[in-house]
Protein backbone atom coordinates (compact mmCIF):
# COMPACT_ATOMS: atom_id res chain seq x y z
CA MET A 1 105.00 70.24 -68.96
CA LYS A 2 105.28 73.74 -69.95
CA LYS A 3 104.44 74.65 -66.48
CA LEU A 4 107.72 72.30 -65.12
CA ALA A 5 109.62 74.48 -66.92
CA VAL A 6 108.65 77.52 -65.77
CA ILE A 7 108.86 76.88 -62.48
CA LEU A 8 112.39 74.97 -63.02
CA PHE A 9 113.57 78.36 -64.98
CA PHE A 10 111.97 80.79 -61.94
CA LEU A 11 113.86 78.57 -59.07
CA GLY A 12 117.02 78.80 -61.56
CA ILE A 13 116.93 82.66 -60.88
CA GLY A 14 116.11 81.81 -56.72
CA PHE A 15 119.00 80.22 -56.58
CA ALA A 16 121.14 82.40 -59.75
CA SER A 17 120.58 85.07 -56.90
CA ASN A 18 121.88 83.09 -53.34
CA ALA A 19 125.13 82.35 -55.08
CA GLN A 20 125.64 86.13 -55.95
CA SER A 21 124.58 86.86 -52.25
CA ASP A 22 128.04 86.93 -50.77
CA THR A 23 128.75 89.76 -53.32
CA ALA A 24 125.71 92.10 -52.37
CA THR A 25 126.21 96.12 -52.16
CA THR A 26 123.43 97.93 -50.61
CA PHE A 27 123.43 101.53 -50.95
CA LEU A 28 120.43 103.93 -49.74
CA ILE A 29 120.60 107.77 -49.59
CA SER A 30 117.72 108.77 -46.60
CA PRO A 31 115.84 111.79 -46.72
CA ASN A 32 115.26 111.89 -50.14
CA PRO A 33 114.72 114.79 -51.53
CA VAL A 34 117.03 115.96 -48.79
CA GLU A 35 117.85 120.13 -47.57
CA THR A 36 120.65 120.13 -45.58
CA ASP A 37 122.12 116.75 -43.71
CA VAL A 38 121.91 113.77 -45.83
CA THR A 39 122.77 110.19 -44.76
CA PHE A 40 124.42 107.54 -46.49
CA ARG A 41 123.79 103.64 -45.66
CA ILE A 42 126.05 101.31 -47.38
CA SER A 43 126.44 97.80 -46.69
CA TYR A 44 129.00 95.04 -48.74
CA LEU A 45 130.01 92.09 -48.56
CA ASN A 46 133.16 90.89 -50.71
CA LYS A 47 133.70 94.54 -52.22
CA ASP A 48 136.68 97.26 -51.81
CA ILE A 49 134.73 100.33 -51.22
CA LYS A 50 136.84 103.20 -51.76
CA ALA A 51 134.04 105.99 -51.67
CA ILE A 52 131.49 107.91 -52.24
CA ARG A 53 131.79 110.76 -54.68
CA ILE A 54 128.49 113.37 -55.40
CA TYR A 55 128.36 115.49 -59.01
CA ASP A 56 126.44 118.06 -60.09
CA MET A 57 124.51 117.57 -63.30
CA ILE A 58 127.23 119.16 -65.23
CA GLY A 59 129.29 116.37 -63.89
CA ASN A 60 131.65 118.82 -60.86
CA GLU A 61 132.40 116.55 -58.78
CA VAL A 62 131.42 118.24 -55.23
CA ALA A 63 132.50 116.09 -52.24
CA TYR A 64 134.49 112.97 -51.79
CA ILE A 65 133.79 110.83 -48.63
CA ASP A 66 136.56 108.46 -48.03
CA LEU A 67 135.81 104.90 -47.04
CA SER A 68 139.32 103.27 -47.37
CA ASN A 69 139.10 101.91 -43.55
CA LYS A 70 135.38 100.88 -43.46
CA THR A 71 133.46 97.29 -43.93
CA GLY A 72 130.42 95.83 -43.33
CA PHE A 73 128.08 98.23 -42.75
CA THR A 74 128.80 102.53 -42.73
CA SER A 75 126.03 104.70 -41.99
CA LEU A 76 127.40 108.34 -41.52
CA THR A 77 125.92 111.73 -41.98
CA LEU A 78 127.28 114.61 -44.81
CA ASP A 79 126.16 118.65 -44.59
CA ILE A 80 125.12 119.90 -47.26
CA SER A 81 123.67 122.68 -46.85
CA SER A 82 125.99 124.58 -48.70
CA LEU A 83 125.19 122.76 -52.04
CA LYS A 84 122.79 124.53 -54.57
CA THR A 85 119.30 123.30 -55.29
CA GLY A 86 119.12 120.65 -58.10
CA ILE A 87 120.36 117.25 -58.97
CA TYR A 88 123.06 115.73 -57.89
CA PHE A 89 124.31 112.25 -58.74
CA CYS A 90 126.29 110.32 -55.71
CA ASN A 91 128.40 107.51 -56.44
CA LEU A 92 129.73 104.43 -54.20
CA TYR A 93 133.42 103.48 -55.86
CA SER A 94 135.18 99.87 -55.16
CA ASN A 95 139.18 99.99 -57.04
CA LYS A 96 137.28 98.08 -59.82
CA GLY A 97 134.87 101.74 -60.37
CA ILE A 98 131.90 102.21 -59.95
CA VAL A 99 129.81 99.78 -57.82
CA GLU A 100 126.16 101.74 -57.23
CA SER A 101 124.91 104.93 -58.51
CA ARG A 102 122.38 106.53 -56.98
CA LYS A 103 120.32 110.31 -57.63
CA MET A 104 119.79 112.51 -54.80
CA ILE A 105 117.03 115.69 -55.13
CA LYS A 106 118.75 118.47 -52.86
CA ASN A 107 115.99 121.47 -51.71
CA LYS A 108 115.72 124.62 -50.75
């Protein structure tokens, strides 16, 4: 009886995750660590994506990328060679706030 409950529990998780797939977002950064050019790949469904904002370790915004006219899948490359070596936080924003956040490491 316990095995059946465990199987049904896992099946329920699978069904729940499939039901939410229409609002899924993917936000990828490559290469990471990066030296000069970084590529952002964003795929989203049914979300009003507005921008990517990049912040340094102390919270200063160092870059803003407007995505308000983009839909579906977006891939863009940004030259970050002028940024100092360190850790940066890349936040993907919708009209409701942060959708996803990723850490980016800048070398050299």
